[in-house]
């Protein structure tokens, strides 16, 4: 009886695991199992001693323990990943990197390539936040390698774009151009609309850095059609700002103002503050270049209000500096000095000594020029 009971329990375990473990066979799970395999299983146990059955049970128990260990390890790594995300969001990128590296070690031991790829993405962001661009590039190149191993074309496209952006950041436009071109080729091959828009826009950026403004303009215009197809307002505004920059460098002020204006409207509508501020900066430069100072001051007022609404001290500093530079350009040095001093005050609040020294230097140079002009007039 004991042997018969053992056979019954093992067959129940086998059938249960078969039904639960293979989702692809779900359609047959509720159908009666064929009768022929069952006698075969029973017979096999009858002709083997009880020790063999005990060995099978031990093996099953080991599998269950192994699965439990894997589950615990995965949960631990997932927790470390989430902790890292929270640390990164709160500005503690150094701590976030520590958490992600611990998670990476666990995912690596489990052989979970997809999770490792995700971690390398986060590590790239963390290193960028800390200005550690070489380490960021290394992390994203590892992410790219995993994407290639797993034939994940979308991740390849985005990894290549991230690498190209980092190369631009490090002053390597030729290398970035080749990287973006590879991303464009993959995106076209797999007909990834979003990837084509992003990659063409970045390829335009690399060409602009090399001084190929007309080629950059064509690439940006091509990118815009893909950005609009996927209804990506942030991407569209970013590409329009890039296009505005290229028009400005090419001396096409009409195209510059129209393009930045479009970027500003889209950014306002979508609540995209980054591109909104960037479009305003471009418009201020373009309008002041053609003598439309009143419009430039209106835009600067919008910029300052937006920075204050966002409680973004750094953008507030940029607004004060832009005011100072514009008043200096118009020869209104007392007002320019006032805005430089306000910008310096914000730099002190931010404890940004580099910005403080730079702004003090600009103010000193402006006052020195003013004194030289006064001395020259007195002599005459």
Protein backbone atom coordinates (compact mmCIF):
# COMPACT_ATOMS: atom_id res chain seq x y z
CA UNK A 1 0.00 0.00 0.00
CA UNK A 2 2.78 2.35 0.80
CA UNK A 3 4.31 1.77 -2.62
CA UNK A 4 0.96 2.35 -4.35
CA UNK A 5 0.45 5.58 -2.41
CA UNK A 6 3.88 6.77 -3.48
CA UNK A 7 3.12 6.09 -7.16
CA UNK A 8 -0.17 8.00 -6.94
CA UNK A 9 1.43 11.08 -5.37
CA UNK A 10 4.26 11.21 -7.91
CA UNK A 11 1.84 10.97 -10.82
CA UNK A 12 -0.27 13.75 -9.33
CA UNK A 13 2.81 15.98 -9.01
CA UNK A 14 3.83 15.24 -12.60
CA UNK A 15 0.41 16.03 -14.08
CA UNK A 16 -0.02 19.17 -11.94
CA UNK A 17 3.36 20.58 -12.94
CA UNK A 18 2.71 19.73 -16.57
CA UNK A 19 -0.51 21.75 -16.55
CA UNK A 20 0.89 24.75 -14.63
CA UNK A 21 4.36 24.88 -16.09
CA UNK A 22 3.57 25.02 -19.81
CA UNK A 23 1.23 27.86 -20.70
CA UNK A 24 1.41 26.97 -24.38
CA UNK A 25 -0.45 23.74 -23.57
CA UNK A 26 -3.24 25.52 -21.70
CA UNK A 27 -5.81 24.54 -24.33
CA UNK A 28 -5.22 20.84 -23.56
CA UNK A 29 -5.02 21.17 -19.79
CA UNK A 30 -8.74 20.57 -19.23
CA UNK A 31 -8.89 17.61 -21.62
CA UNK A 32 -8.49 14.05 -20.25
CA UNK A 33 -4.89 12.88 -20.45
CA UNK A 34 -4.36 9.79 -22.67
CA UNK A 35 -4.59 6.56 -20.74
CA UNK A 36 -1.57 4.89 -22.35
CA UNK A 37 1.23 6.90 -20.62
CA UNK A 38 -0.16 6.28 -17.14
CA UNK A 39 0.31 2.49 -17.09
CA UNK A 40 3.82 3.06 -18.44
CA UNK A 41 4.62 5.39 -15.53
CA UNK A 42 3.10 2.99 -13.00
CA UNK A 43 5.01 0.07 -14.49
CA UNK A 44 8.27 1.94 -14.38
CA UNK A 45 7.90 2.50 -10.65
CA UNK A 46 6.90 -1.10 -10.04
CA UNK A 47 10.04 -2.42 -11.72
CA UNK A 48 12.35 -0.03 -9.83
CA UNK A 49 13.16 -0.30 -6.14
CA UNK A 50 11.80 2.23 -3.68
CA UNK A 51 15.27 3.88 -3.43
CA UNK A 52 14.92 5.13 -7.00
CA UNK A 53 11.63 6.77 -6.13
CA UNK A 54 13.22 8.47 -3.14
CA UNK A 55 15.97 9.79 -5.43
CA UNK A 56 13.36 11.26 -7.77
CA UNK A 57 11.63 12.99 -4.87
CA UNK A 58 14.96 14.39 -3.65
CA UNK A 59 15.65 15.77 -7.15
CA UNK A 60 12.23 17.43 -7.22
CA UNK A 61 12.80 18.94 -3.79
CA UNK A 62 16.17 20.30 -4.95
CA UNK A 63 14.48 21.88 -7.95
CA UNK A 64 11.92 23.53 -5.66
CA UNK A 65 14.69 24.83 -3.37
CA UNK A 66 16.64 26.12 -6.39
CA UNK A 67 13.57 27.95 -7.67
CA UNK A 68 13.02 29.45 -4.23
CA UNK A 69 16.63 30.71 -4.12
CA UNK A 70 16.31 32.18 -7.62
CA UNK A 71 13.05 33.88 -6.66
CA UNK A 72 14.60 35.37 -3.52
CA UNK A 73 17.66 36.58 -5.46
CA UNK A 74 15.47 38.11 -8.17
CA UNK A 75 13.33 39.88 -5.56
CA UNK A 76 16.47 41.22 -3.88
CA UNK A 77 17.84 42.53 -7.19
CA UNK A 78 14.47 44.07 -8.11
CA UNK A 79 14.37 45.83 -4.74
CA UNK A 80 17.89 47.22 -5.25
CA UNK A 81 16.83 48.43 -8.71
CA UNK A 82 13.85 50.32 -7.24
CA UNK A 83 15.95 51.78 -4.41
CA UNK A 84 18.42 53.02 -7.02
CA UNK A 85 15.61 54.66 -8.99
CA UNK A 86 14.43 56.49 -5.86
CA UNK A 87 17.97 57.60 -5.01
CA UNK A 88 18.54 58.85 -8.56
CA UNK A 89 15.26 60.81 -8.55
CA UNK A 90 16.20 62.48 -5.26
CA UNK A 91 19.56 63.56 -6.71
CA UNK A 92 21.70 60.92 -4.96
CA UNK A 93 23.15 59.42 -8.13
CA UNK A 94 26.29 58.15 -6.39
CA UNK A 95 24.16 56.07 -4.00
CA UNK A 96 21.94 54.97 -6.90
CA UNK A 97 24.97 53.63 -8.76
CA UNK A 98 25.98 51.58 -5.70
CA UNK A 99 22.49 50.04 -5.54
CA UNK A 100 22.41 49.31 -9.27
CA UNK A 101 25.86 47.69 -9.23
CA UNK A 102 24.70 45.35 -6.45
CA UNK A 103 21.59 44.50 -8.48
CA UNK A 104 23.75 43.95 -11.57
CA UNK A 105 25.90 41.41 -9.74
CA UNK A 106 22.82 39.40 -8.76
CA UNK A 107 21.25 39.55 -12.24
CA UNK A 108 24.60 38.46 -13.70
CA UNK A 109 24.74 35.44 -11.36
CA UNK A 110 21.20 34.53 -12.46
CA UNK A 111 22.09 34.94 -16.15
CA UNK A 112 19.22 37.41 -16.66
CA UNK A 113 20.42 39.33 -19.74
CA UNK A 114 17.33 41.53 -20.08
CA UNK A 115 17.64 42.73 -16.48
CA UNK A 116 21.37 43.34 -16.94
CA UNK A 117 20.60 45.47 -20.00
CA UNK A 118 18.12 47.53 -18.00
CA UNK A 119 20.67 48.06 -15.21
CA UNK A 120 23.28 49.27 -17.70
CA UNK A 121 20.73 51.80 -18.98
CA UNK A 122 20.25 53.14 -15.46
CA UNK A 123 23.99 53.15 -14.77
CA UNK A 124 24.49 55.24 -17.89
CA UNK A 125 22.00 57.82 -16.60
CA UNK A 126 23.58 57.87 -13.17
CA UNK A 127 27.10 58.38 -14.49
CA UNK A 128 25.89 61.17 -16.81
CA UNK A 129 24.24 62.91 -13.86
CA UNK A 130 27.62 62.88 -12.08
CA UNK A 131 29.50 64.03 -15.19
CA UNK A 132 31.39 60.72 -15.42
CA UNK A 133 30.94 60.45 -19.17
CA UNK A 134 33.53 57.74 -19.92
CA UNK A 135 31.95 55.43 -17.35
CA UNK A 136 28.52 56.26 -18.78
CA UNK A 137 29.75 55.39 -22.27
CA UNK A 138 31.19 52.09 -21.02
CA UNK A 139 27.88 51.16 -19.35
CA UNK A 140 25.85 51.95 -22.46
CA UNK A 141 28.27 50.05 -24.71
CA UNK A 142 27.69 47.01 -22.48
CA UNK A 143 23.96 47.60 -22.84
CA UNK A 144 24.44 47.67 -26.64
CA UNK A 145 26.35 44.36 -26.54
CA UNK A 146 23.49 42.69 -24.66
CA UNK A 147 20.94 44.12 -27.12
CA UNK A 148 22.95 42.64 -29.99
CA UNK A 149 23.22 39.25 -28.28
CA UNK A 150 19.45 39.15 -27.72
CA UNK A 151 18.60 40.61 -31.17
CA UNK A 152 16.77 43.50 -29.47
CA UNK A 153 16.83 46.02 -32.33
CA UNK A 154 14.93 48.79 -30.54
CA UNK A 155 17.37 48.73 -27.63
CA UNK A 156 20.26 48.76 -30.12
CA UNK A 157 18.85 51.92 -31.72
CA UNK A 158 18.47 53.76 -28.42
CA UNK A 159 21.84 52.57 -27.07
CA UNK A 160 23.61 53.80 -30.21
CA UNK A 161 21.88 57.17 -29.90
CA UNK A 162 22.94 57.44 -26.25
CA UNK A 163 26.54 56.54 -27.13
CA UNK A 164 26.55 59.09 -29.96
CA UNK A 165 25.21 61.78 -27.63
CA UNK A 166 27.97 61.04 -25.10
CA UNK A 167 30.60 61.20 -27.85
CA UNK A 168 29.27 64.63 -28.83
CA UNK A 169 29.42 65.66 -25.18
CA UNK A 170 33.09 64.65 -25.13
CA UNK A 171 33.88 66.61 -28.31
CA UNK A 172 34.03 63.69 -30.75
CA UNK A 173 31.58 64.68 -33.54
CA UNK A 174 33.08 62.38 -36.20
CA UNK A 175 32.75 59.29 -33.99
CA UNK A 176 29.23 60.34 -32.98
CA UNK A 177 28.26 60.81 -36.64
CA UNK A 178 29.24 57.20 -37.45
CA UNK A 179 27.33 55.95 -34.40
CA UNK A 180 24.14 57.86 -35.29
CA UNK A 181 24.43 56.67 -38.92
CA UNK A 182 24.47 53.05 -37.69
CA UNK A 183 21.36 53.75 -35.60
CA UNK A 184 19.60 55.22 -38.67
CA UNK A 185 20.49 52.12 -40.71
CA UNK A 186 19.09 49.71 -38.10
CA UNK A 187 15.94 51.80 -37.58
CA UNK A 188 15.28 51.84 -41.33
CA UNK A 189 15.94 48.10 -41.65
CA UNK A 190 13.40 47.20 -38.96
CA UNK A 191 11.06 50.08 -39.96
CA UNK A 192 11.12 51.61 -36.48
CA UNK A 193 9.47 55.02 -36.97
CA UNK A 194 10.37 56.39 -33.53
CA UNK A 195 13.96 55.22 -33.92
CA UNK A 196 14.27 56.84 -37.35
CA UNK A 197 13.05 60.19 -36.04
CA UNK A 198 15.45 60.16 -33.09
CA UNK A 199 18.45 58.89 -35.07
CA UNK A 200 18.01 61.32 -37.99
CA UNK A 201 17.65 64.23 -35.56
CA UNK A 202 20.86 63.24 -33.78
CA UNK A 203 22.66 62.67 -37.08
CA UNK A 204 21.69 66.23 -37.97
CA UNK A 205 23.13 67.40 -34.65
CA UNK A 206 26.47 65.70 -35.38
CA UNK A 207 26.61 67.33 -38.83
CA UNK A 208 25.83 70.72 -37.29
CA UNK A 209 28.74 70.29 -34.86
CA UNK A 210 30.98 69.65 -37.87
CA UNK A 211 29.72 72.83 -39.54
CA UNK A 212 27.62 71.02 -42.17
CA UNK A 213 24.58 73.22 -41.52
CA UNK A 214 22.77 72.69 -44.83
CA UNK A 215 23.05 68.91 -44.48
CA UNK A 216 21.93 69.17 -40.86
CA UNK A 217 18.86 71.18 -41.92
CA UNK A 218 17.83 68.47 -44.42
CA UNK A 219 18.28 65.73 -41.81
CA UNK A 220 16.22 67.65 -39.22
CA UNK A 221 13.42 68.22 -41.74
CA UNK A 222 13.43 64.50 -42.57
CA UNK A 223 13.41 63.63 -38.85
CA UNK A 224 10.38 65.87 -38.24
CA UNK A 225 8.16 63.75 -40.50
CA UNK A 226 8.90 60.66 -38.36
CA UNK A 227 8.51 62.59 -35.08
CA UNK A 228 5.04 63.70 -36.19
CA UNK A 229 4.03 60.19 -37.30
CA UNK A 230 4.48 58.82 -33.79
CA UNK A 231 2.93 61.95 -32.22
CA UNK A 232 6.00 62.70 -30.12
CA UNK A 233 5.63 66.40 -29.15
CA UNK A 234 8.77 66.43 -26.98
CA UNK A 235 10.84 64.86 -29.75
CA UNK A 236 9.30 67.20 -32.33
CA UNK A 237 10.04 70.29 -30.21
CA UNK A 238 13.61 69.08 -29.65
CA UNK A 239 14.18 68.58 -33.39
CA UNK A 240 12.63 71.98 -34.15
CA UNK A 241 15.02 73.60 -31.65
CA UNK A 242 17.92 71.79 -33.34
CA UNK A 243 16.66 73.04 -36.71
CA UNK A 244 16.41 76.57 -35.32
CA UNK A 245 20.03 76.35 -34.14
CA UNK A 246 21.13 75.26 -37.63
CA UNK A 247 19.18 78.08 -39.33
CA UNK A 248 20.77 80.56 -36.89
CA UNK A 249 24.29 79.33 -37.69
CA UNK A 250 23.49 79.45 -41.41
CA UNK A 251 22.35 83.09 -41.05
CA UNK A 252 18.72 82.38 -42.01
CA UNK A 253 17.02 84.54 -39.37
CA UNK A 254 13.54 84.23 -40.88
CA UNK A 255 13.77 80.44 -40.77
CA UNK A 256 15.29 80.64 -37.29
CA UNK A 257 12.49 82.71 -35.78
CA UNK A 258 9.73 80.65 -37.44
CA UNK A 259 11.23 77.33 -36.32
CA UNK A 260 11.91 78.38 -32.73
CA UNK A 261 8.38 79.81 -32.63
CA UNK A 262 6.93 76.43 -33.64
CA UNK A 263 9.06 74.69 -31.01
CA UNK A 264 7.83 77.12 -28.35
CA UNK A 265 4.15 76.58 -29.23
CA UNK A 266 4.46 72.77 -29.17
CA UNK A 267 6.48 72.81 -25.93
CA UNK A 268 3.92 75.07 -24.23
CA UNK A 269 1.03 72.85 -25.33
CA UNK A 270 2.72 69.63 -24.12
CA UNK A 271 4.06 71.16 -20.90
CA UNK A 272 7.64 70.51 -22.02
CA UNK A 273 9.52 73.10 -19.93
CA UNK A 274 13.00 72.12 -21.14
CA UNK A 275 12.25 72.75 -24.81
CA UNK A 276 10.16 75.80 -23.91
CA UNK A 277 13.16 77.44 -22.21
CA UNK A 278 15.46 76.40 -25.03
CA UNK A 279 13.14 77.84 -27.70
CA UNK A 280 12.94 81.14 -25.79
CA UNK A 281 16.74 81.31 -25.63
CA UNK A 282 16.94 80.78 -29.39
CA UNK A 283 14.29 83.42 -30.07
CA UNK A 284 16.03 85.96 -27.80
CA UNK A 285 19.28 85.47 -29.74
CA UNK A 286 17.55 85.63 -33.13
CA UNK A 287 15.43 88.74 -32.37
CA UNK A 288 18.31 90.65 -30.78
CA UNK A 289 20.52 89.78 -33.79
CA UNK A 290 18.13 91.65 -36.10
CA UNK A 291 17.53 94.54 -33.67
CA UNK A 292 14.11 93.44 -32.32
CA UNK A 293 15.05 94.21 -28.74
CA UNK A 294 11.52 94.85 -27.48
CA UNK A 295 10.48 91.34 -28.50
CA UNK A 296 13.68 89.93 -26.97
CA UNK A 297 12.88 91.58 -23.61
CA UNK A 298 9.29 90.24 -23.73
CA UNK A 299 10.66 86.74 -24.21
CA UNK A 300 13.18 87.15 -21.38
CA UNK A 301 10.36 88.18 -19.07
CA UNK A 302 8.49 84.98 -20.02
CA UNK A 303 11.66 83.01 -19.35
CA UNK A 304 12.20 84.50 -15.89
CA UNK A 305 8.55 83.96 -14.89
CA UNK A 306 8.73 80.33 -16.05
CA UNK A 307 11.98 79.72 -14.13
CA UNK A 308 10.45 81.21 -10.97
CA UNK A 309 7.25 79.16 -11.37
CA UNK A 310 9.40 76.04 -11.63
CA UNK A 311 11.43 77.24 -8.62
CA UNK A 312 14.47 76.45 -10.72
CA UNK A 313 17.32 78.61 -9.42
CA UNK A 314 19.70 77.59 -12.18
CA UNK A 315 17.29 78.69 -14.91
CA UNK A 316 16.64 81.87 -12.93
CA UNK A 317 20.39 82.54 -12.98
CA UNK A 318 20.47 82.05 -16.77
CA UNK A 319 17.58 84.51 -17.16
CA UNK A 320 19.38 87.20 -15.13
CA UNK A 321 22.57 86.64 -17.13
CA UNK A 322 20.68 86.95 -20.44
CA UNK A 323 19.11 90.21 -19.24
CA UNK A 324 22.57 91.50 -18.26
CA UNK A 325 24.10 90.60 -21.63
CA UNK A 326 21.27 92.23 -23.58
CA UNK A 327 21.44 95.46 -21.56
CA UNK A 328 25.23 95.45 -21.97
CA UNK A 329 24.76 95.05 -25.73
CA UNK A 330 22.49 98.12 -25.71
CA UNK A 331 25.01 100.12 -23.66
CA UNK A 332 22.80 100.33 -20.55
CA UNK A 333 25.62 99.38 -18.18
CA UNK A 334 24.00 100.29 -14.81
CA UNK A 335 21.04 97.98 -15.52
CA UNK A 336 23.37 95.32 -16.91
CA UNK A 337 25.44 95.51 -13.71
CA UNK A 338 22.28 95.11 -11.62
CA UNK A 339 21.36 91.89 -13.44
CA UNK A 340 24.90 90.51 -13.25
CA UNK A 341 24.83 91.09 -9.48
CA UNK A 342 21.48 89.31 -9.20
CA UNK A 343 22.88 86.37 -11.16
CA UNK A 344 25.93 86.27 -8.86
CA UNK A 345 23.63 86.22 -5.81
CA UNK A 346 21.81 83.17 -7.20
CA UNK A 347 25.16 81.46 -7.92
CA UNK A 348 26.08 81.97 -4.24
CA UNK A 349 22.75 80.47 -3.14
CA UNK A 350 23.46 77.46 -5.39
CA UNK A 351 27.00 77.30 -3.96
CA UNK A 352 28.24 77.16 -7.55
CA UNK A 353 31.68 78.74 -7.27
CA UNK A 354 32.49 78.22 -10.97
CA UNK A 355 29.44 80.19 -12.09
CA UNK A 356 30.12 82.85 -9.48
CA UNK A 357 33.72 83.36 -10.66
CA UNK A 358 32.65 83.39 -14.33
CA UNK A 359 29.92 86.00 -13.74
CA UNK A 360 32.23 88.17 -11.63
CA UNK A 361 34.76 88.06 -14.46
CA UNK A 362 32.11 89.17 -16.99
CA UNK A 363 31.02 92.01 -14.70
CA UNK A 364 34.64 93.10 -14.11
CA UNK A 365 35.40 93.13 -17.84
CA UNK A 366 32.27 95.17 -18.56
CA UNK A 367 33.16 97.76 -15.89
CA UNK A 368 36.77 97.91 -17.09
CA UNK A 369 35.59 98.66 -20.64
CA UNK A 370 33.24 101.32 -19.27
CA UNK A 371 36.09 102.98 -17.33
CA UNK A 372 38.36 102.91 -20.38
CA UNK A 373 35.63 104.55 -22.44
CA UNK A 374 35.20 107.30 -19.81
CA UNK A 375 38.97 107.92 -19.65
CA UNK A 376 39.17 108.11 -23.43
CA UNK A 377 36.34 110.65 -23.58
CA UNK A 378 37.98 112.85 -20.91
CA UNK A 379 41.25 112.92 -22.86
CA UNK A 380 39.41 113.99 -25.99
